[in-house]
Amino acid sequence: MRTVALPAQPLFAPRELSGDQRFILRSLVERDGAPRTAALFALGYWADCRVSDVAWLEHQHTHLTPKANWIHVGYKGGKARCLCIALHRIAT
């Protein structure tokens, strides 16, 4: 009987966090209490950005105008994309 050698398959990271992972991440963000941490978390979560997208984001990638707001993200694999952002005024 012959055996066939199969090459190892790369393991892919899970595409979605488990409930426990979401709880821990949210707890860490709340415990830190810094607005920057909350903003980075929100950008990653709500805009579906990768960690590398958020980590490489620079000020010049942010475009805010009276009519349109967008950010230019992307680093991994040279892929880039523009995300439209809806800004809402908070009543004071």
PDB file of N, CA and C in Angstrom:
ATOM      1  N   MET A   1       0.842  -1.168   0.000  1.00  0.00           N
ATOM      2  CA  MET A   1       0.000   0.000   0.000  1.00  0.00           C
ATOM      3  C   MET A   1       0.897   1.243   0.000  1.00  0.00           C
ATOM      4  N   ARG A   2       0.592   2.167  -0.890  1.00  0.00           N
ATOM      5  CA  ARG A   2       1.343   3.420  -0.958  1.00  0.00           C
ATOM      6  C   ARG A   2       0.625   4.493  -0.143  1.00  0.00           C
ATOM      7  N   THR A   3       1.419   5.384   0.390  1.00  0.00           N
ATOM      8  CA  THR A   3       0.827   6.532   1.080  1.00  0.00           C
ATOM      9  C   THR A   3       1.052   7.781   0.242  1.00  0.00           C
ATOM     10  N   VAL A   4       0.118   8.635   0.287  1.00  0.00           N
ATOM     11  CA  VAL A   4       0.196   9.885  -0.458  1.00  0.00           C
ATOM     12  C   VAL A   4       0.475  11.008   0.534  1.00  0.00           C
ATOM     13  N   ALA A   5       1.543  11.738   0.279  1.00  0.00           N
ATOM     14  CA  ALA A   5       1.881  12.860   1.157  1.00  0.00           C
ATOM     15  C   ALA A   5       1.090  14.089   0.729  1.00  0.00           C
ATOM     16  N   LEU A   6       0.343  14.633   1.641  1.00  0.00           N
ATOM     17  CA  LEU A   6      -0.428  15.840   1.370  1.00  0.00           C
ATOM     18  C   LEU A   6       0.269  17.027   2.030  1.00  0.00           C
ATOM     19  N   PRO A   7       0.442  18.103   1.278  1.00  0.00           N
ATOM     20  CA  PRO A   7       1.074  19.274   1.888  1.00  0.00           C
ATOM     21  C   PRO A   7       0.169  19.882   2.957  1.00  0.00           C
ATOM     22  N   ALA A   8       0.795  20.478   3.950  1.00  0.00           N
ATOM     23  CA  ALA A   8       0.029  21.115   5.022  1.00  0.00           C
ATOM     24  C   ALA A   8      -0.769  22.285   4.462  1.00  0.00           C
ATOM     25  N   GLN A   9      -1.993  22.408   4.901  1.00  0.00           N
ATOM     26  CA  GLN A   9      -2.856  23.499   4.468  1.00  0.00           C
ATOM     27  C   GLN A   9      -2.686  24.676   5.428  1.00  0.00           C
ATOM     28  N   PRO A  10      -2.639  25.894   4.885  1.00  0.00           N
ATOM     29  CA  PRO A  10      -2.518  27.045   5.784  1.00  0.00           C
ATOM     30  C   PRO A  10      -3.778  27.199   6.628  1.00  0.00           C
ATOM     31  N   LEU A  11      -3.583  27.584   7.878  1.00  0.00           N
ATOM     32  CA  LEU A  11      -4.710  27.819   8.768  1.00  0.00           C
ATOM     33  C   LEU A  11      -5.134  29.275   8.639  1.00  0.00           C
ATOM     34  N   PHE A  12      -6.393  29.485   8.404  1.00  0.00           N
ATOM     35  CA  PHE A  12      -6.911  30.833   8.274  1.00  0.00           C
ATOM     36  C   PHE A  12      -7.510  31.279   9.599  1.00  0.00           C
ATOM     37  N   ALA A  13      -7.305  32.532   9.906  1.00  0.00           N
ATOM     38  CA  ALA A  13      -7.882  33.086  11.126  1.00  0.00           C
ATOM     39  C   ALA A  13      -9.400  33.091  10.995  1.00  0.00           C
ATOM     40  N   PRO A  14     -10.101  32.911  12.113  1.00  0.00           N
ATOM     41  CA  PRO A  14     -11.559  32.954  12.048  1.00  0.00           C
ATOM     42  C   PRO A  14     -12.030  34.322  11.566  1.00  0.00           C
ATOM     43  N   ARG A  15     -13.094  34.347  10.806  1.00  0.00           N
ATOM     44  CA  ARG A  15     -13.614  35.592  10.233  1.00  0.00           C
ATOM     45  C   ARG A  15     -14.505  36.350  11.219  1.00  0.00           C
ATOM     46  N   GLU A  16     -14.917  35.705  12.282  1.00  0.00           N
ATOM     47  CA  GLU A  16     -15.827  36.340  13.224  1.00  0.00           C
ATOM     48  C   GLU A  16     -15.390  36.008  14.640  1.00  0.00           C
ATOM     49  N   LEU A  17     -15.507  36.990  15.532  1.00  0.00           N
ATOM     50  CA  LEU A  17     -15.153  36.762  16.930  1.00  0.00           C
ATOM     51  C   LEU A  17     -16.260  35.972  17.619  1.00  0.00           C
ATOM     52  N   SER A  18     -15.857  35.138  18.560  1.00  0.00           N
ATOM     53  CA  SER A  18     -16.845  34.403  19.350  1.00  0.00           C
ATOM     54  C   SER A  18     -17.482  35.366  20.354  1.00  0.00           C
ATOM     55  N   GLY A  19     -18.527  34.928  20.993  1.00  0.00           N
ATOM     56  CA  GLY A  19     -19.192  35.758  21.997  1.00  0.00           C
ATOM     57  C   GLY A  19     -18.257  36.140  23.132  1.00  0.00           C
ATOM     58  N   ASP A  20     -17.459  35.182  23.605  1.00  0.00           N
ATOM     59  CA  ASP A  20     -16.493  35.472  24.669  1.00  0.00           C
ATOM     60  C   ASP A  20     -15.444  36.475  24.206  1.00  0.00           C
ATOM     61  N   GLN A  21     -14.969  36.327  22.977  1.00  0.00           N
ATOM     62  CA  GLN A  21     -13.970  37.259  22.455  1.00  0.00           C
ATOM     63  C   GLN A  21     -14.541  38.668  22.336  1.00  0.00           C
ATOM     64  N   ARG A  22     -15.789  38.785  21.878  1.00  0.00           N
ATOM     65  CA  ARG A  22     -16.419  40.109  21.778  1.00  0.00           C
ATOM     66  C   ARG A  22     -16.574  40.746  23.154  1.00  0.00           C
ATOM     67  N   PHE A  23     -16.963  39.944  24.141  1.00  0.00           N
ATOM     68  CA  PHE A  23     -17.125  40.451  25.503  1.00  0.00           C
ATOM     69  C   PHE A  23     -15.795  40.957  26.054  1.00  0.00           C
ATOM     70  N   ILE A  24     -14.743  40.185  25.867  1.00  0.00           N
ATOM     71  CA  ILE A  24     -13.422  40.577  26.367  1.00  0.00           C
ATOM     72  C   ILE A  24     -12.935  41.846  25.678  1.00  0.00           C
ATOM     73  N   LEU A  25     -13.070  41.911  24.368  1.00  0.00           N
ATOM     74  CA  LEU A  25     -12.620  43.089  23.631  1.00  0.00           C
ATOM     75  C   LEU A  25     -13.392  44.333  24.062  1.00  0.00           C
ATOM     76  N   ARG A  26     -14.690  44.201  24.187  1.00  0.00           N
ATOM     77  CA  ARG A  26     -15.507  45.341  24.628  1.00  0.00           C
ATOM     78  C   ARG A  26     -15.117  45.772  26.036  1.00  0.00           C
ATOM     79  N   SER A  27     -14.872  44.818  26.920  1.00  0.00           N
ATOM     80  CA  SER A  27     -14.463  45.140  28.289  1.00  0.00           C
ATOM     81  C   SER A  27     -13.133  45.883  28.316  1.00  0.00           C
ATOM     82  N   LEU A  28     -12.196  45.459  27.482  1.00  0.00           N
ATOM     83  CA  LEU A  28     -10.897  46.129  27.426  1.00  0.00           C
ATOM     84  C   LEU A  28     -11.023  47.560  26.920  1.00  0.00           C
ATOM     85  N   VAL A  29     -11.854  47.766  25.911  1.00  0.00           N
ATOM     86  CA  VAL A  29     -12.059  49.119  25.377  1.00  0.00           C
ATOM     87  C   VAL A  29     -12.708  50.004  26.433  1.00  0.00           C
ATOM     88  N   GLU A  30     -13.725  49.494  27.117  1.00  0.00           N
ATOM     89  CA  GLU A  30     -14.401  50.277  28.151  1.00  0.00           C
ATOM     90  C   GLU A  30     -13.480  50.564  29.326  1.00  0.00           C
ATOM     91  N   ARG A  31     -12.664  49.596  29.716  1.00  0.00           N
ATOM     92  CA  ARG A  31     -11.745  49.776  30.838  1.00  0.00           C
ATOM     93  C   ARG A  31     -10.698  50.836  30.526  1.00  0.00           C
ATOM     94  N   ASP A  32     -10.226  50.882  29.275  1.00  0.00           N
ATOM     95  CA  ASP A  32      -9.229  51.879  28.890  1.00  0.00           C
ATOM     96  C   ASP A  32      -9.812  53.281  29.004  1.00  0.00           C
ATOM     97  N   GLY A  33     -11.034  53.462  28.533  1.00  0.00           N
ATOM     98  CA  GLY A  33     -11.728  54.730  28.675  1.00  0.00           C
ATOM     99  C   GLY A  33     -11.248  55.854  27.779  1.00  0.00           C
ATOM    100  N   ALA A  34     -10.245  55.626  26.964  1.00  0.00           N
ATOM    101  CA  ALA A  34      -9.714  56.683  26.096  1.00  0.00           C
ATOM    102  C   ALA A  34     -10.587  56.826  24.850  1.00  0.00           C
ATOM    103  N   PRO A  35     -10.910  58.053  24.460  1.00  0.00           N
ATOM    104  CA  PRO A  35     -11.710  58.253  23.246  1.00  0.00           C
ATOM    105  C   PRO A  35     -11.036  57.664  22.002  1.00  0.00           C
ATOM    106  N   ARG A  36      -9.712  57.733  21.941  1.00  0.00           N
ATOM    107  CA  ARG A  36      -8.982  57.193  20.781  1.00  0.00           C
ATOM    108  C   ARG A  36      -9.204  55.685  20.664  1.00  0.00           C
ATOM    109  N   THR A  37      -9.130  54.990  21.787  1.00  0.00           N
ATOM    110  CA  THR A  37      -9.336  53.542  21.780  1.00  0.00           C
ATOM    111  C   THR A  37     -10.748  53.208  21.313  1.00  0.00           C
ATOM    112  N   ALA A  38     -11.727  53.942  21.826  1.00  0.00           N
ATOM    113  CA  ALA A  38     -13.118  53.706  21.421  1.00  0.00           C
ATOM    114  C   ALA A  38     -13.307  53.992  19.934  1.00  0.00           C
ATOM    115  N   ALA A  39     -12.669  55.050  19.431  1.00  0.00           N
ATOM    116  CA  ALA A  39     -12.795  55.393  18.009  1.00  0.00           C
ATOM    117  C   ALA A  39     -12.157  54.331  17.123  1.00  0.00           C
ATOM    118  N   LEU A  40     -10.991  53.837  17.508  1.00  0.00           N
ATOM    119  CA  LEU A  40     -10.331  52.792  16.720  1.00  0.00           C
ATOM    120  C   LEU A  40     -11.143  51.503  16.734  1.00  0.00           C
ATOM    121  N   PHE A  41     -11.691  51.167  17.893  1.00  0.00           N
ATOM    122  CA  PHE A  41     -12.536  49.983  17.986  1.00  0.00           C
ATOM    123  C   PHE A  41     -13.771  50.138  17.095  1.00  0.00           C
ATOM    124  N   ALA A  42     -14.420  51.304  17.166  1.00  0.00           N
ATOM    125  CA  ALA A  42     -15.620  51.548  16.360  1.00  0.00           C
ATOM    126  C   ALA A  42     -15.304  51.483  14.875  1.00  0.00           C
ATOM    127  N   LEU A  43     -14.167  52.043  14.484  1.00  0.00           N
ATOM    128  CA  LEU A  43     -13.782  52.003  13.076  1.00  0.00           C
ATOM    129  C   LEU A  43     -13.601  50.560  12.609  1.00  0.00           C
ATOM    130  N   GLY A  44     -12.933  49.776  13.405  1.00  0.00           N
ATOM    131  CA  GLY A  44     -12.740  48.381  13.038  1.00  0.00           C
ATOM    132  C   GLY A  44     -14.038  47.594  13.016  1.00  0.00           C
ATOM    133  N   TYR A  45     -14.887  47.840  13.996  1.00  0.00           N
ATOM    134  CA  TYR A  45     -16.121  47.065  14.116  1.00  0.00           C
ATOM    135  C   TYR A  45     -17.184  47.505  13.119  1.00  0.00           C
ATOM    136  N   TRP A  46     -17.519  48.787  13.110  1.00  0.00           N
ATOM    137  CA  TRP A  46     -18.636  49.266  12.302  1.00  0.00           C
ATOM    138  C   TRP A  46     -18.286  49.431  10.834  1.00  0.00           C
ATOM    139  N   ALA A  47     -17.027  49.755  10.532  1.00  0.00           N
ATOM    140  CA  ALA A  47     -16.635  49.951   9.132  1.00  0.00           C
ATOM    141  C   ALA A  47     -15.997  48.699   8.549  1.00  0.00           C
ATOM    142  N   ASP A  48     -15.957  47.628   9.346  1.00  0.00           N
ATOM    143  CA  ASP A  48     -15.420  46.345   8.894  1.00  0.00           C
ATOM    144  C   ASP A  48     -13.975  46.472   8.403  1.00  0.00           C
ATOM    145  N   CYS A  49     -13.181  47.225   9.165  1.00  0.00           N
ATOM    146  CA  CYS A  49     -11.766  47.388   8.816  1.00  0.00           C
ATOM    147  C   CYS A  49     -10.935  46.295   9.471  1.00  0.00           C
ATOM    148  N   ARG A  50      -9.911  45.892   8.789  1.00  0.00           N
ATOM    149  CA  ARG A  50      -8.958  44.943   9.353  1.00  0.00           C
ATOM    150  C   ARG A  50      -8.084  45.670  10.370  1.00  0.00           C
ATOM    151  N   VAL A  51      -7.424  44.898  11.215  1.00  0.00           N
ATOM    152  CA  VAL A  51      -6.490  45.489  12.174  1.00  0.00           C
ATOM    153  C   VAL A  51      -5.414  46.264  11.434  1.00  0.00           C
ATOM    154  N   SER A  52      -4.919  45.717  10.328  1.00  0.00           N
ATOM    155  CA  SER A  52      -3.879  46.417   9.565  1.00  0.00           C
ATOM    156  C   SER A  52      -4.416  47.715   8.967  1.00  0.00           C
ATOM    157  N   ASP A  53      -5.697  47.761   8.584  1.00  0.00           N
ATOM    158  CA  ASP A  53      -6.299  48.999   8.073  1.00  0.00           C
ATOM    159  C   ASP A  53      -6.256  50.091   9.136  1.00  0.00           C
ATOM    160  N   VAL A  54      -6.672  49.737  10.336  1.00  0.00           N
ATOM    161  CA  VAL A  54      -6.719  50.707  11.428  1.00  0.00           C
ATOM    162  C   VAL A  54      -5.310  51.087  11.874  1.00  0.00           C
ATOM    163  N   ALA A  55      -4.413  50.109  11.928  1.00  0.00           N
ATOM    164  CA  ALA A  55      -3.055  50.368  12.407  1.00  0.00           C
ATOM    165  C   ALA A  55      -2.280  51.298  11.488  1.00  0.00           C
ATOM    166  N   TRP A  56      -2.518  51.236  10.202  1.00  0.00           N
ATOM    167  CA  TRP A  56      -1.772  52.051   9.248  1.00  0.00           C
ATOM    168  C   TRP A  56      -2.493  53.340   8.864  1.00  0.00           C
ATOM    169  N   LEU A  57      -3.647  53.601   9.457  1.00  0.00           N
ATOM    170  CA  LEU A  57      -4.407  54.801   9.134  1.00  0.00           C
ATOM    171  C   LEU A  57      -3.643  56.049   9.577  1.00  0.00           C
ATOM    172  N   GLU A  58      -3.539  57.016   8.687  1.00  0.00           N
ATOM    173  CA  GLU A  58      -2.862  58.274   8.984  1.00  0.00           C
ATOM    174  C   GLU A  58      -3.825  59.435   8.762  1.00  0.00           C
ATOM    175  N   HIS A  59      -3.471  60.570   9.341  1.00  0.00           N
ATOM    176  CA  HIS A  59      -4.334  61.752   9.276  1.00  0.00           C
ATOM    177  C   HIS A  59      -4.660  62.134   7.837  1.00  0.00           C
ATOM    178  N   GLN A  60      -3.683  62.069   6.947  1.00  0.00           N
ATOM    179  CA  GLN A  60      -3.923  62.478   5.550  1.00  0.00           C
ATOM    180  C   GLN A  60      -4.858  61.527   4.808  1.00  0.00           C
ATOM    181  N   HIS A  61      -5.181  60.384   5.399  1.00  0.00           N
ATOM    182  CA  HIS A  61      -6.117  59.446   4.779  1.00  0.00           C
ATOM    183  C   HIS A  61      -7.574  59.790   5.097  1.00  0.00           C
ATOM    184  N   THR A  62      -7.778  60.789   5.953  1.00  0.00           N
ATOM    185  CA  THR A  62      -9.115  61.185   6.371  1.00  0.00           C
ATOM    186  C   THR A  62      -9.541  62.432   5.609  1.00  0.00           C
ATOM    187  N   HIS A  63     -10.689  62.384   4.995  1.00  0.00           N
ATOM    188  CA  HIS A  63     -11.183  63.501   4.185  1.00  0.00           C
ATOM    189  C   HIS A  63     -12.559  63.918   4.699  1.00  0.00           C
ATOM    190  N   LEU A  64     -12.631  65.118   5.247  1.00  0.00           N
ATOM    191  CA  LEU A  64     -13.886  65.646   5.773  1.00  0.00           C
ATOM    192  C   LEU A  64     -14.234  66.919   5.018  1.00  0.00           C
ATOM    193  N   THR A  65     -15.378  66.921   4.370  1.00  0.00           N
ATOM    194  CA  THR A  65     -15.849  68.090   3.634  1.00  0.00           C
ATOM    195  C   THR A  65     -17.294  68.357   4.040  1.00  0.00           C
ATOM    196  N   PRO A  66     -17.828  69.532   3.704  1.00  0.00           N
ATOM    197  CA  PRO A  66     -19.225  69.806   4.056  1.00  0.00           C
ATOM    198  C   PRO A  66     -20.222  68.836   3.414  1.00  0.00           C
ATOM    199  N   LYS A  67     -19.879  68.268   2.266  1.00  0.00           N
ATOM    200  CA  LYS A  67     -20.828  67.403   1.558  1.00  0.00           C
ATOM    201  C   LYS A  67     -20.526  65.912   1.666  1.00  0.00           C
ATOM    202  N   ALA A  68     -19.273  65.555   1.845  1.00  0.00           N
ATOM    203  CA  ALA A  68     -18.919  64.129   1.867  1.00  0.00           C
ATOM    204  C   ALA A  68     -17.748  63.901   2.818  1.00  0.00           C
ATOM    205  N   ASN A  69     -17.735  62.746   3.441  1.00  0.00           N
ATOM    206  CA  ASN A  69     -16.667  62.367   4.362  1.00  0.00           C
ATOM    207  C   ASN A  69     -16.244  60.949   4.024  1.00  0.00           C
ATOM    208  N   TRP A  70     -14.950  60.728   3.924  1.00  0.00           N
ATOM    209  CA  TRP A  70     -14.477  59.391   3.637  1.00  0.00           C
ATOM    210  C   TRP A  70     -13.072  59.210   4.175  1.00  0.00           C
ATOM    211  N   ILE A  71     -12.710  57.946   4.341  1.00  0.00           N
ATOM    212  CA  ILE A  71     -11.341  57.608   4.716  1.00  0.00           C
ATOM    213  C   ILE A  71     -10.812  56.602   3.708  1.00  0.00           C
ATOM    214  N   HIS A  72      -9.552  56.685   3.494  1.00  0.00           N
ATOM    215  CA  HIS A  72      -8.862  55.781   2.576  1.00  0.00           C
ATOM    216  C   HIS A  72      -8.114  54.777   3.446  1.00  0.00           C
ATOM    217  N   VAL A  73      -8.520  53.516   3.407  1.00  0.00           N
ATOM    218  CA  VAL A  73      -7.881  52.481   4.218  1.00  0.00           C
ATOM    219  C   VAL A  73      -7.334  51.392   3.315  1.00  0.00           C
ATOM    220  N   GLY A  74      -6.445  50.627   3.859  1.00  0.00           N
ATOM    221  CA  GLY A  74      -5.910  49.490   3.135  1.00  0.00           C
ATOM    222  C   GLY A  74      -4.413  49.444   3.223  1.00  0.00           C
ATOM    223  N   TYR A  75      -3.941  48.294   3.559  1.00  0.00           N
ATOM    224  CA  TYR A  75      -2.501  48.091   3.612  1.00  0.00           C
ATOM    225  C   TYR A  75      -2.173  46.663   3.205  1.00  0.00           C
ATOM    226  N   LYS A  76      -2.934  45.737   3.706  1.00  0.00           N
ATOM    227  CA  LYS A  76      -2.671  44.317   3.498  1.00  0.00           C
ATOM    228  C   LYS A  76      -2.755  43.950   2.020  1.00  0.00           C
ATOM    229  N   GLY A  77      -1.678  43.419   1.481  1.00  0.00           N
ATOM    230  CA  GLY A  77      -1.664  42.971   0.097  1.00  0.00           C
ATOM    231  C   GLY A  77      -1.774  44.092  -0.915  1.00  0.00           C
ATOM    232  N   GLY A  78      -1.518  45.321  -0.500  1.00  0.00           N
ATOM    233  CA  GLY A  78      -1.602  46.449  -1.420  1.00  0.00           C
ATOM    234  C   GLY A  78      -3.022  46.805  -1.821  1.00  0.00           C
ATOM    235  N   LYS A  79      -4.008  46.229  -1.150  1.00  0.00           N
ATOM    236  CA  LYS A  79      -5.407  46.515  -1.470  1.00  0.00           C
ATOM    237  C   LYS A  79      -5.854  47.750  -0.692  1.00  0.00           C
ATOM    238  N   ALA A  80      -6.496  48.656  -1.375  1.00  0.00           N
ATOM    239  CA  ALA A  80      -6.988  49.871  -0.731  1.00  0.00           C
ATOM    240  C   ALA A  80      -8.458  50.052  -1.070  1.00  0.00           C
ATOM    241  N   ARG A  81      -9.161  50.757  -0.192  1.00  0.00           N
ATOM    242  CA  ARG A  81     -10.567  51.053  -0.450  1.00  0.00           C
ATOM    243  C   ARG A  81     -10.929  52.350   0.250  1.00  0.00           C
ATOM    244  N   CYS A  82     -11.946  52.988  -0.251  1.00  0.00           N
ATOM    245  CA  CYS A  82     -12.456  54.221   0.354  1.00  0.00           C
ATOM    246  C   CYS A  82     -13.764  53.898   1.064  1.00  0.00           C
ATOM    247  N   LEU A  83     -13.889  54.376   2.281  1.00  0.00           N
ATOM    248  CA  LEU A  83     -15.098  54.153   3.066  1.00  0.00           C
ATOM    249  C   LEU A  83     -15.796  55.477   3.301  1.00  0.00           C
ATOM    250  N   CYS A  84     -17.046  55.562   2.907  1.00  0.00           N
ATOM    251  CA  CYS A  84     -17.837  56.760   3.181  1.00  0.00           C
ATOM    252  C   CYS A  84     -18.257  56.734   4.645  1.00  0.00           C
ATOM    253  N   ILE A  85     -18.197  57.892   5.272  1.00  0.00           N
ATOM    254  CA  ILE A  85     -18.534  57.997   6.686  1.00  0.00           C
ATOM    255  C   ILE A  85     -19.653  59.013   6.844  1.00  0.00           C
ATOM    256  N   ALA A  86     -20.710  58.606   7.516  1.00  0.00           N
ATOM    257  CA  ALA A  86     -21.803  59.527   7.827  1.00  0.00           C
ATOM    258  C   ALA A  86     -21.547  60.099   9.213  1.00  0.00           C
ATOM    259  N   LEU A  87     -21.361  61.401   9.282  1.00  0.00           N
ATOM    260  CA  LEU A  87     -21.151  62.060  10.565  1.00  0.00           C
ATOM    261  C   LEU A  87     -22.474  62.628  11.048  1.00  0.00           C
ATOM    262  N   HIS A  88     -22.750  62.421  12.309  1.00  0.00           N
ATOM    263  CA  HIS A  88     -23.986  62.914  12.904  1.00  0.00           C
ATOM    264  C   HIS A  88     -23.633  63.937  13.970  1.00  0.00           C
ATOM    265  N   ARG A  89     -24.341  65.028  13.959  1.00  0.00           N
ATOM    266  CA  ARG A  89     -24.117  66.044  14.983  1.00  0.00           C
ATOM    267  C   ARG A  89     -24.789  65.595  16.276  1.00  0.00           C
ATOM    268  N   ILE A  90     -24.084  65.806  17.360  1.00  0.00           N
ATOM    269  CA  ILE A  90     -24.618  65.460  18.667  1.00  0.00           C
ATOM    270  C   ILE A  90     -25.135  66.740  19.312  1.00  0.00           C
ATOM    271  N   ALA A  91     -26.391  66.729  19.720  1.00  0.00           N
ATOM    272  CA  ALA A  91     -26.980  67.911  20.357  1.00  0.00           C
ATOM    273  C   ALA A  91     -26.316  68.138  21.704  1.00  0.00           C
ATOM    274  N   THR A  92     -25.966  69.385  21.963  1.00  0.00           N
ATOM    275  CA  THR A  92     -25.331  69.705  23.250  1.00  0.00           C
ATOM    276  C   THR A  92     -26.237  70.557  24.094  1.00  0.00           C
TER     277      THR A  92
END
